[in-house]
Amino acid sequence: MKTKPRLSTAQILNMNFGFLGIQFGFALQNANASRILQTFGADIQSLSWFWVVAPLTGMIIQPLIGHYSDRTWCKLGRRKPYFLTGAILAAIALLFMPNSAALSSLMPPLIIGAGMLTIMNASFNVAMEPFRALVADLLPEEQRTTGFSVQTFLIGIGAVIGSWLPYAMMKWFDIGKGTPDSEVPVNVIIAFYIGAAVMLGTIVWTIVRTKEYPPEEYRQFHSDESEADGEPKSGIMQIFRDIVRMPATMKQLGVVQFFSWFALFAMWVFTTPAVASHVYGVQFENGELLKNPANKAAYDAAGDWVGILFGVYNLVAMFFALALPWIAAKTNRKMTHVISLICGGIGLISIYFITNQYWLIASMIGVGIAWASILAMPYAILAGSIPPAKMGVYMGIFNFFITIPQIISSLVNGPIVKHLFNSDAVYAILMAGICLLIAAGSVVFVKDKT
């Protein structure tokens, strides 16, 4: 069996460059989706429900994408057709979501916005999974931690720019100031347009600059792998068989992923209303934003600042990702992930005790450390336990441990915030921090095949 050649830094950057664009759009969604939906009339407790269809769709799509990408080969490649399709669909949703009010003659803007959020999030999932499988396909074992760390670094660049762009346009160019109560600020709309263009441009870059191994060459690197052990080579039943036979390491990581992504989802959904009420004094009545010019201006200011905060944690993640291989070499991958998750948990918990907007930057430093590790270390640990011939399908199945906690979070957090915390969203952030600490404790039980 041949050994995969080591790839240069430029080659690793090129294969991951499309992830920069995907995360650019993903950051715009995370920082602004709740804000857009609340502008259209959503209340705090129902926010997470509008997000639920997206991870549910991703849970169904991801294994199918992984399964069939394992068996695809065309002129475009093996993984490339899938992340190109996902990027195109996500770009369309980015264009339409902030303009949902323009389609109000067809149905209420809130429904259109929620539908675009669903398409957007599902499309991001379609695009992300083949990228992670691509790294595992092309890199030898000793470069995989580096590959996923570079991916996280580029994710950080895209996320920082995407998160900060609306604030920068408003602060430096006065774009979006004085927006009426019922309208999405112009700076947010333009940022979504730019996000769609960046996503498609970076995806095309990766497609043009990266060469996938054709089937005959790929088999030379994995000649000792039996693809299906006499089972059907494709079909839904094969996916179910793969789920039943998932490696033990994947199951162990599943617990860690559950608490990690439960926390992340709560953070993305509730940070804007939490910061708005807890720091900016924005008023809500029965969970709904009170519509008056001063309150709307404060809410928009809070929304712009949350974009800055999300950019901060992604900026921290971008640089911390470069340190992950070194830290893992000095300790191990498990300890690296434990320390990172603890930092994130402390960061989220600290938000409960902070009433000054600038001190929230310190909270986001801890979140950024955790985010860098969440995006890299579980995949670096997992890749060594997966049969190479099933890399795509198992990366897709592993997405269950990302989407299921998001679905549960979306279903339970709304009622919890409404009935237990009297619609005070900051308590959802506090719970998220505790979940990251539980995730850190769960890493101890993971077996890493190094």
Protein backbone atom coordinates (compact mmCIF):
# COMPACT_ATOMS: atom_id res chain seq x y z
CA MET A 1 0.00 0.00 0.00
CA LYS A 2 1.35 3.40 -1.00
CA THR A 3 1.76 6.19 1.52
CA LYS A 4 0.03 9.48 0.81
CA PRO A 5 2.52 12.22 -0.05
CA ARG A 6 2.89 15.11 2.36
CA LEU A 7 1.29 18.27 1.04
CA SER A 8 2.75 21.77 1.14
CA THR A 9 1.31 24.58 3.24
CA ALA A 10 -0.01 26.21 0.06
CA GLN A 11 -1.82 23.02 -0.95
CA ILE A 12 -3.39 22.68 2.50
CA LEU A 13 -4.50 26.33 2.35
CA ASN A 14 -5.99 25.89 -1.11
CA MET A 15 -8.00 22.79 -0.19
CA ASN A 16 -9.50 24.61 2.81
CA PHE A 17 -9.95 28.06 1.25
CA GLY A 18 -13.60 27.48 0.41
CA PHE A 19 -14.30 27.02 4.11
CA LEU A 20 -13.40 30.69 4.58
CA GLY A 21 -16.35 31.66 2.39
CA ILE A 22 -18.70 29.15 3.99
CA GLN A 23 -17.86 30.51 7.43
CA PHE A 24 -18.23 34.09 6.19
CA GLY A 25 -21.85 33.32 5.40
CA PHE A 26 -22.29 31.17 8.52
CA ALA A 27 -21.06 34.05 10.71
CA LEU A 28 -23.50 36.46 9.11
CA GLN A 29 -26.28 34.01 9.86
CA ASN A 30 -25.23 33.37 13.47
CA ALA A 31 -24.82 37.05 14.35
CA ASN A 32 -27.88 38.40 12.53
CA ALA A 33 -30.56 35.70 12.04
CA SER A 34 -32.20 36.17 15.44
CA ARG A 35 -32.02 39.92 14.98
CA ILE A 36 -33.72 39.70 11.57
CA LEU A 37 -36.43 37.37 12.87
CA GLN A 38 -37.13 39.62 15.87
CA THR A 39 -37.40 42.59 13.52
CA PHE A 40 -40.12 40.62 11.68
CA GLY A 41 -41.96 40.00 14.96
CA ALA A 42 -40.52 36.85 16.57
CA ASP A 43 -40.51 36.76 20.37
CA ILE A 44 -37.57 35.53 22.49
CA GLN A 45 -39.06 32.18 23.45
CA SER A 46 -39.90 31.24 19.86
CA LEU A 47 -36.50 32.21 18.41
CA SER A 48 -34.97 28.78 18.90
CA TRP A 49 -38.01 27.12 17.29
CA PHE A 50 -37.39 29.00 14.06
CA TRP A 51 -33.92 27.44 13.98
CA VAL A 52 -35.03 23.83 14.56
CA VAL A 53 -35.75 22.77 10.96
CA ALA A 54 -32.22 23.68 9.86
CA PRO A 55 -30.32 21.15 12.02
CA LEU A 56 -33.08 18.60 11.46
CA THR A 57 -32.57 18.93 7.72
CA GLY A 58 -28.82 18.75 8.17
CA MET A 59 -29.12 15.57 10.20
CA ILE A 60 -30.90 13.89 7.31
CA ILE A 61 -28.79 15.36 4.53
CA GLN A 62 -25.29 14.97 5.98
CA PRO A 63 -25.07 11.15 6.03
CA LEU A 64 -26.56 10.98 2.54
CA ILE A 65 -24.05 13.51 1.24
CA GLY A 66 -21.21 11.64 2.92
CA HIS A 67 -22.42 8.25 1.73
CA TYR A 68 -22.78 9.25 -1.90
CA SER A 69 -19.65 11.42 -1.97
CA ASP A 70 -17.69 8.31 -0.96
CA ARG A 71 -18.96 6.73 -4.18
CA THR A 72 -18.92 9.74 -6.50
CA TRP A 73 -16.44 10.49 -9.21
CA CYS A 74 -17.02 12.91 -12.07
CA LYS A 75 -15.03 15.48 -14.00
CA LEU A 76 -15.38 17.90 -11.11
CA GLY A 77 -14.10 15.37 -8.57
CA ARG A 78 -15.35 13.40 -5.60
CA ARG A 79 -16.23 15.90 -2.86
CA LYS A 80 -16.28 19.07 -4.98
CA PRO A 81 -19.76 18.65 -6.57
CA TYR A 82 -21.34 18.53 -3.14
CA PHE A 83 -19.76 21.55 -1.50
CA LEU A 84 -20.30 23.57 -4.69
CA THR A 85 -24.03 22.72 -4.64
CA GLY A 86 -24.30 23.58 -0.96
CA ALA A 87 -22.55 26.91 -1.48
CA ILE A 88 -24.84 27.92 -4.35
CA LEU A 89 -27.99 27.17 -2.32
CA ALA A 90 -26.63 28.98 0.75
CA ALA A 91 -25.75 32.02 -1.37
CA ILE A 92 -29.33 32.19 -2.68
CA ALA A 93 -30.68 32.07 0.88
CA LEU A 94 -28.26 34.83 1.93
CA LEU A 95 -29.65 37.04 -0.79
CA PHE A 96 -33.29 36.47 0.13
CA MET A 97 -33.38 36.24 3.95
CA PRO A 98 -32.84 39.93 4.82
CA ASN A 99 -35.22 40.88 2.00
CA SER A 100 -38.09 38.73 3.22
CA ALA A 101 -40.29 41.79 3.72
CA ALA A 102 -40.16 42.44 -0.03
CA LEU A 103 -42.08 39.18 -0.52
CA SER A 104 -44.75 40.01 2.07
CA SER A 105 -47.45 39.88 -0.61
CA LEU A 106 -46.90 36.12 -0.80
CA MET A 107 -46.73 35.33 2.93
CA PRO A 108 -45.66 36.98 6.22
CA PRO A 109 -41.99 38.09 6.25
CA LEU A 110 -41.38 36.09 9.43
CA ILE A 111 -42.34 32.85 7.67
CA ILE A 112 -40.21 33.67 4.62
CA GLY A 113 -37.26 34.61 6.83
CA ALA A 114 -37.56 31.36 8.79
CA GLY A 115 -37.71 29.41 5.52
CA MET A 116 -34.57 31.12 4.22
CA LEU A 117 -32.83 30.37 7.53
CA THR A 118 -33.72 26.71 7.08
CA ILE A 119 -32.38 26.56 3.52
CA MET A 120 -29.27 28.50 4.48
CA ASN A 121 -28.33 26.36 7.47
CA ALA A 122 -29.05 23.09 5.66
CA SER A 123 -26.95 24.27 2.70
CA PHE A 124 -24.04 25.18 4.97
CA ASN A 125 -24.19 21.62 6.31
CA VAL A 126 -24.16 20.21 2.78
CA ALA A 127 -21.05 22.22 1.99
CA MET A 128 -19.15 21.63 5.25
CA GLU A 129 -19.13 17.84 5.49
CA PRO A 130 -17.39 17.17 2.13
CA PHE A 131 -14.71 19.71 3.09
CA ARG A 132 -13.87 17.77 6.25
CA ALA A 133 -13.83 14.51 4.30
CA LEU A 134 -11.58 16.17 1.69
CA VAL A 135 -8.94 16.93 4.34
CA ALA A 136 -9.01 13.32 5.53
CA ASP A 137 -8.89 12.07 1.90
CA LEU A 138 -5.83 14.02 0.85
CA LEU A 139 -3.64 14.31 3.94
CA PRO A 140 -1.49 11.59 5.53
CA GLU A 141 -2.21 10.82 9.17
CA GLU A 142 0.69 12.94 10.47
CA GLN A 143 -0.69 16.07 8.73
CA ARG A 144 -4.35 15.74 9.68
CA THR A 145 -4.16 17.79 12.88
CA THR A 146 -2.39 20.49 10.86
CA GLY A 147 -5.00 20.22 8.10
CA PHE A 148 -7.95 20.67 10.45
CA SER A 149 -6.11 23.46 12.29
CA VAL A 150 -5.51 25.35 9.02
CA GLN A 151 -9.18 24.81 8.23
CA THR A 152 -10.06 26.37 11.58
CA PHE A 153 -7.68 29.28 10.90
CA LEU A 154 -9.43 30.05 7.60
CA ILE A 155 -12.81 29.59 9.25
CA GLY A 156 -11.71 32.26 11.70
CA ILE A 157 -10.79 34.74 8.97
CA GLY A 158 -14.15 34.33 7.26
CA ALA A 159 -16.07 34.47 10.52
CA VAL A 160 -14.32 37.61 11.77
CA ILE A 161 -14.98 39.54 8.57
CA GLY A 162 -18.55 38.25 8.34
CA SER A 163 -19.30 39.10 11.96
CA TRP A 164 -17.78 42.58 11.90
CA LEU A 165 -18.95 43.73 8.47
CA PRO A 166 -22.41 45.10 9.46
CA TYR A 167 -20.91 47.01 12.41
CA ALA A 168 -18.09 48.43 10.27
CA MET A 169 -20.50 49.69 7.60
CA MET A 170 -22.68 51.35 10.20
CA LYS A 171 -19.82 52.81 12.29
CA TRP A 172 -17.53 54.01 9.51
CA PHE A 173 -19.95 54.79 6.69
CA ASP A 174 -23.23 55.48 8.55
CA ILE A 175 -24.93 52.76 6.48
CA GLY A 176 -28.02 51.45 8.26
CA LYS A 177 -28.48 54.24 10.82
CA GLY A 178 -32.03 55.37 11.49
CA THR A 179 -33.65 52.22 10.11
CA PRO A 180 -37.44 52.10 10.79
CA ASP A 181 -38.71 49.70 13.46
CA SER A 182 -40.07 47.10 11.04
CA GLU A 183 -37.13 47.00 8.60
CA VAL A 184 -33.82 45.14 8.50
CA PRO A 185 -30.92 47.65 8.53
CA VAL A 186 -29.35 48.30 5.13
CA ASN A 187 -25.88 47.46 6.45
CA VAL A 188 -27.09 43.94 7.29
CA ILE A 189 -28.66 43.49 3.84
CA ILE A 190 -25.50 44.60 2.03
CA ALA A 191 -23.35 42.37 4.26
CA PHE A 192 -25.47 39.37 3.26
CA TYR A 193 -24.96 40.24 -0.43
CA ILE A 194 -21.19 40.39 0.08
CA GLY A 195 -21.29 37.10 1.99
CA ALA A 196 -22.98 35.34 -0.92
CA ALA A 197 -20.32 36.59 -3.35
CA VAL A 198 -17.40 35.67 -1.07
CA MET A 199 -18.77 32.19 -0.50
CA LEU A 200 -19.06 31.37 -4.18
CA GLY A 201 -15.67 32.92 -4.99
CA THR A 202 -13.73 30.95 -2.38
CA ILE A 203 -15.46 27.69 -3.29
CA VAL A 204 -14.49 28.14 -6.92
CA TRP A 205 -10.90 28.82 -5.79
CA THR A 206 -10.73 25.49 -3.97
CA ILE A 207 -12.27 23.64 -6.91
CA VAL A 208 -9.75 25.10 -9.35
CA ARG A 209 -6.67 24.83 -7.11
CA THR A 210 -7.17 21.41 -5.49
CA LYS A 211 -6.77 18.04 -7.15
CA GLU A 212 -8.60 15.06 -5.70
CA TYR A 213 -7.21 11.57 -6.07
CA PRO A 214 -9.13 9.68 -8.80
CA PRO A 215 -10.54 6.28 -7.72
CA GLU A 216 -7.70 4.17 -9.08
CA GLU A 217 -5.06 6.29 -7.32
CA TYR A 218 -7.09 6.55 -4.10
CA ARG A 219 -7.30 2.74 -3.92
CA GLN A 220 -3.50 2.54 -4.02
CA PHE A 221 -3.39 4.41 -0.71
CA HIS A 222 -6.09 2.20 0.82
CA SER A 223 -5.64 -1.13 -0.91
CA ASP A 224 -6.07 -3.00 2.35
CA GLU A 225 -9.51 -1.51 2.96
CA SER A 226 -12.56 -3.55 2.02
CA GLU A 227 -15.18 -1.08 0.94
CA ALA A 228 -18.29 -2.96 1.87
CA ASP A 229 -17.39 -6.48 3.02
CA GLY A 230 -19.87 -8.07 0.63
CA GLU A 231 -22.64 -5.60 1.45
CA PRO A 232 -24.45 -3.37 -1.05
CA LYS A 233 -22.23 -0.52 -2.11
CA SER A 234 -24.91 2.11 -1.82
CA GLY A 235 -28.36 2.71 -0.41
CA ILE A 236 -30.13 3.83 2.73
CA MET A 237 -29.80 0.40 4.38
CA GLN A 238 -26.02 0.62 4.08
CA ILE A 239 -26.09 3.93 5.95
CA PHE A 240 -28.07 2.28 8.75
CA ARG A 241 -25.51 -0.54 8.86
CA ASP A 242 -22.73 2.00 9.12
CA ILE A 243 -24.54 3.75 11.98
CA VAL A 244 -24.84 0.48 13.89
CA ARG A 245 -21.15 -0.26 13.30
CA MET A 246 -19.79 3.20 14.08
CA PRO A 247 -16.41 3.11 15.84
CA ALA A 248 -16.37 3.31 19.64
CA THR A 249 -14.36 6.53 19.48
CA MET A 250 -17.17 8.16 17.52
CA LYS A 251 -19.73 7.19 20.18
CA GLN A 252 -17.50 8.55 22.93
CA LEU A 253 -16.95 11.79 21.05
CA GLY A 254 -20.70 11.97 20.53
CA VAL A 255 -21.23 12.77 24.21
CA VAL A 256 -18.64 15.55 24.06
CA GLN A 257 -20.19 16.92 20.87
CA PHE A 258 -23.69 16.85 22.33
CA PHE A 259 -22.91 19.20 25.20
CA SER A 260 -20.59 21.34 23.07
CA TRP A 261 -23.12 22.00 20.31
CA PHE A 262 -26.06 22.33 22.71
CA ALA A 263 -24.10 25.21 24.24
CA LEU A 264 -23.08 26.74 20.92
CA PHE A 265 -26.63 26.71 19.56
CA ALA A 266 -27.96 28.43 22.66
CA MET A 267 -25.22 31.04 22.37
CA TRP A 268 -26.00 31.79 18.71
CA VAL A 269 -29.74 32.06 19.31
CA PHE A 270 -29.83 34.00 22.58
CA THR A 271 -26.73 36.23 22.72
CA THR A 272 -28.39 39.14 20.92
CA PRO A 273 -31.46 39.39 23.18
CA ALA A 274 -29.31 38.59 26.24
CA VAL A 275 -26.83 41.39 25.54
CA ALA A 276 -29.62 43.73 24.46
CA SER A 277 -31.50 43.43 27.76
CA HIS A 278 -28.62 42.68 30.15
CA VAL A 279 -26.17 45.33 28.91
CA TYR A 280 -28.05 47.82 26.70
CA GLY A 281 -31.27 47.99 28.75
CA VAL A 282 -33.50 47.06 25.80
CA GLN A 283 -37.07 46.42 26.90
CA PHE A 284 -39.12 43.36 25.99
CA GLU A 285 -42.74 42.66 26.83
CA ASN A 286 -43.70 38.97 27.04
CA GLY A 287 -40.52 38.23 25.12
CA GLU A 288 -41.31 40.61 22.24
CA LEU A 289 -39.23 43.67 21.42
CA LEU A 290 -41.07 46.87 22.36
CA LYS A 291 -41.37 48.90 19.17
CA ASN A 292 -40.36 52.48 19.77
CA PRO A 293 -37.52 54.45 18.13
CA ALA A 294 -35.25 54.58 21.21
CA ASN A 295 -35.71 50.90 22.04
CA LYS A 296 -35.18 49.86 18.41
CA ALA A 297 -32.02 51.98 18.20
CA ALA A 298 -30.64 50.34 21.35
CA TYR A 299 -31.54 46.92 20.01
CA ASP A 300 -29.78 47.60 16.70
CA ALA A 301 -26.73 48.85 18.62
CA ALA A 302 -26.75 45.65 20.67
CA GLY A 303 -27.08 43.57 17.50
CA ASP A 304 -24.12 45.33 15.90
CA TRP A 305 -22.05 44.82 19.07
CA VAL A 306 -22.91 41.12 19.18
CA GLY A 307 -21.49 40.94 15.67
CA ILE A 308 -18.26 42.43 17.04
CA LEU A 309 -18.26 39.94 19.93
CA PHE A 310 -18.78 37.01 17.58
CA GLY A 311 -15.96 38.36 15.45
CA VAL A 312 -13.74 38.46 18.54
CA TYR A 313 -14.28 34.82 19.40
CA ASN A 314 -13.64 33.84 15.80
CA LEU A 315 -10.49 36.01 15.71
CA VAL A 316 -9.22 34.28 18.85
CA ALA A 317 -10.11 30.90 17.32
CA MET A 318 -8.26 31.78 14.14
CA PHE A 319 -4.95 32.29 15.93
CA PHE A 320 -5.46 29.66 18.63
CA ALA A 321 -6.04 27.10 15.88
CA LEU A 322 -2.44 27.59 14.78
CA ALA A 323 -1.29 26.69 18.28
CA LEU A 324 -3.40 23.53 18.52
CA PRO A 325 -0.85 21.19 16.83
CA TRP A 326 1.90 22.47 19.14
CA ILE A 327 -0.24 22.15 22.28
CA ALA A 328 -1.40 18.67 21.24
CA ALA A 329 2.23 17.63 20.64
CA LYS A 330 3.25 18.88 24.11
CA THR A 331 0.28 17.25 25.85
CA ASN A 332 -2.16 15.22 23.74
CA ARG A 333 -5.29 15.88 21.70
CA LYS A 334 -7.66 15.01 24.54
CA MET A 335 -6.02 17.32 27.08
CA THR A 336 -5.94 20.11 24.49
CA HIS A 337 -9.69 19.76 24.01
CA VAL A 338 -10.41 19.60 27.75
CA ILE A 339 -8.53 22.83 28.48
CA SER A 340 -10.16 24.59 25.54
CA LEU A 341 -13.70 23.63 26.53
CA ILE A 342 -13.13 24.76 30.11
CA CYS A 343 -12.02 28.17 28.82
CA GLY A 344 -15.21 28.39 26.76
CA GLY A 345 -17.41 27.41 29.67
CA ILE A 346 -15.88 30.04 31.93
CA GLY A 347 -16.25 32.63 29.16
CA LEU A 348 -19.98 32.04 28.70
CA ILE A 349 -20.70 31.87 32.43
CA SER A 350 -18.91 35.20 32.94
CA ILE A 351 -21.45 36.97 30.67
CA TYR A 352 -24.04 36.62 33.45
CA PHE A 353 -21.89 38.79 35.73
CA ILE A 354 -20.98 41.49 33.17
CA THR A 355 -22.95 44.67 32.49
CA ASN A 356 -20.29 46.59 30.53
CA GLN A 357 -20.20 45.90 26.80
CA TYR A 358 -16.39 46.03 26.57
CA TRP A 359 -15.81 43.45 29.30
CA LEU A 360 -17.78 41.02 27.14
CA ILE A 361 -14.70 40.90 24.89
CA ALA A 362 -12.88 39.01 27.66
CA SER A 363 -15.73 36.50 27.76
CA MET A 364 -15.42 35.93 24.03
CA ILE A 365 -11.70 35.13 24.33
CA GLY A 366 -12.60 31.99 26.27
CA VAL A 367 -15.35 31.14 23.78
CA GLY A 368 -12.87 31.55 20.92
CA ILE A 369 -10.43 29.09 22.46
CA ALA A 370 -13.22 26.53 22.79
CA TRP A 371 -14.51 27.19 19.25
CA ALA A 372 -11.07 26.60 17.72
CA SER A 373 -10.80 23.24 19.44
CA ILE A 374 -14.40 22.20 18.69
CA LEU A 375 -13.79 22.77 14.99
CA ALA A 376 -10.53 20.83 14.88
CA MET A 377 -9.77 18.38 17.66
CA PRO A 378 -12.83 16.07 17.48
CA TYR A 379 -12.22 15.57 13.75
CA ALA A 380 -8.49 14.99 14.25
CA ILE A 381 -9.30 12.35 16.90
CA LEU A 382 -12.10 10.82 14.84
CA ALA A 383 -10.25 10.53 11.52
CA GLY A 384 -7.83 7.93 12.87
CA SER A 385 -10.67 5.61 13.91
CA ILE A 386 -12.62 5.64 10.63
CA PRO A 387 -12.05 3.19 7.75
CA PRO A 388 -10.77 5.39 4.88
CA ALA A 389 -13.26 3.88 2.43
CA LYS A 390 -16.10 5.18 4.63
CA MET A 391 -14.60 8.56 5.53
CA GLY A 392 -17.41 10.56 3.90
CA VAL A 393 -20.34 8.63 5.34
CA TYR A 394 -18.90 8.55 8.84
CA MET A 395 -18.11 12.27 8.75
CA GLY A 396 -21.76 12.70 7.76
CA ILE A 397 -23.00 10.41 10.51
CA PHE A 398 -20.79 12.28 12.98
CA ASN A 399 -22.87 15.33 12.12
CA PHE A 400 -25.71 13.64 14.08
CA PHE A 401 -23.79 14.64 17.19
CA ILE A 402 -23.90 18.25 16.01
CA THR A 403 -27.47 18.48 14.74
CA ILE A 404 -29.26 16.43 17.42
CA PRO A 405 -28.10 18.68 20.30
CA GLN A 406 -29.08 21.73 18.23
CA ILE A 407 -32.55 20.27 17.68
CA ILE A 408 -32.98 19.50 21.36
CA SER A 409 -31.63 22.93 22.30
CA SER A 410 -34.07 24.62 19.94
CA LEU A 411 -37.03 22.69 21.36
CA VAL A 412 -36.33 23.01 25.07
CA ASN A 413 -34.52 26.31 25.52
CA GLY A 414 -37.46 28.47 24.44
CA PRO A 415 -39.89 27.08 27.03
CA ILE A 416 -37.14 27.04 29.67
CA VAL A 417 -36.30 30.69 29.09
CA LYS A 418 -39.97 31.68 29.03
CA HIS A 419 -41.33 29.72 31.99
CA LEU A 420 -38.27 29.21 34.21
CA PHE A 421 -36.34 32.42 33.54
CA ASN A 422 -39.21 34.83 32.77
CA SER A 423 -37.96 35.42 29.20
CA ASP A 424 -34.54 36.61 30.43
CA ALA A 425 -32.21 35.27 27.73
CA VAL A 426 -29.02 35.72 29.75
CA TYR A 427 -29.86 32.55 31.68
CA ALA A 428 -29.72 30.56 28.44
CA ILE A 429 -26.12 31.78 28.06
CA LEU A 430 -25.37 30.74 31.64
CA MET A 431 -26.71 27.24 30.92
CA ALA A 432 -24.58 27.09 27.78
CA GLY A 433 -21.46 27.74 29.82
CA ILE A 434 -22.29 24.92 32.20
CA CYS A 435 -22.81 22.58 29.24
CA LEU A 436 -19.30 23.33 27.93
CA LEU A 437 -17.86 22.38 31.33
CA ILE A 438 -19.78 19.08 31.17
CA ALA A 439 -18.40 18.52 27.66
CA ALA A 440 -14.88 19.04 29.01
CA GLY A 441 -15.43 16.37 31.65
CA SER A 442 -16.74 13.95 29.00
CA VAL A 443 -13.51 14.10 26.99
CA VAL A 444 -11.83 11.97 29.65
CA PHE A 445 -13.78 8.92 28.44
CA VAL A 446 -12.75 9.25 24.77
CA LYS A 447 -10.21 6.79 23.39
CA ASP A 448 -7.84 8.53 21.00
CA LYS A 449 -6.06 6.17 18.59
CA THR A 450 -2.83 8.12 18.17
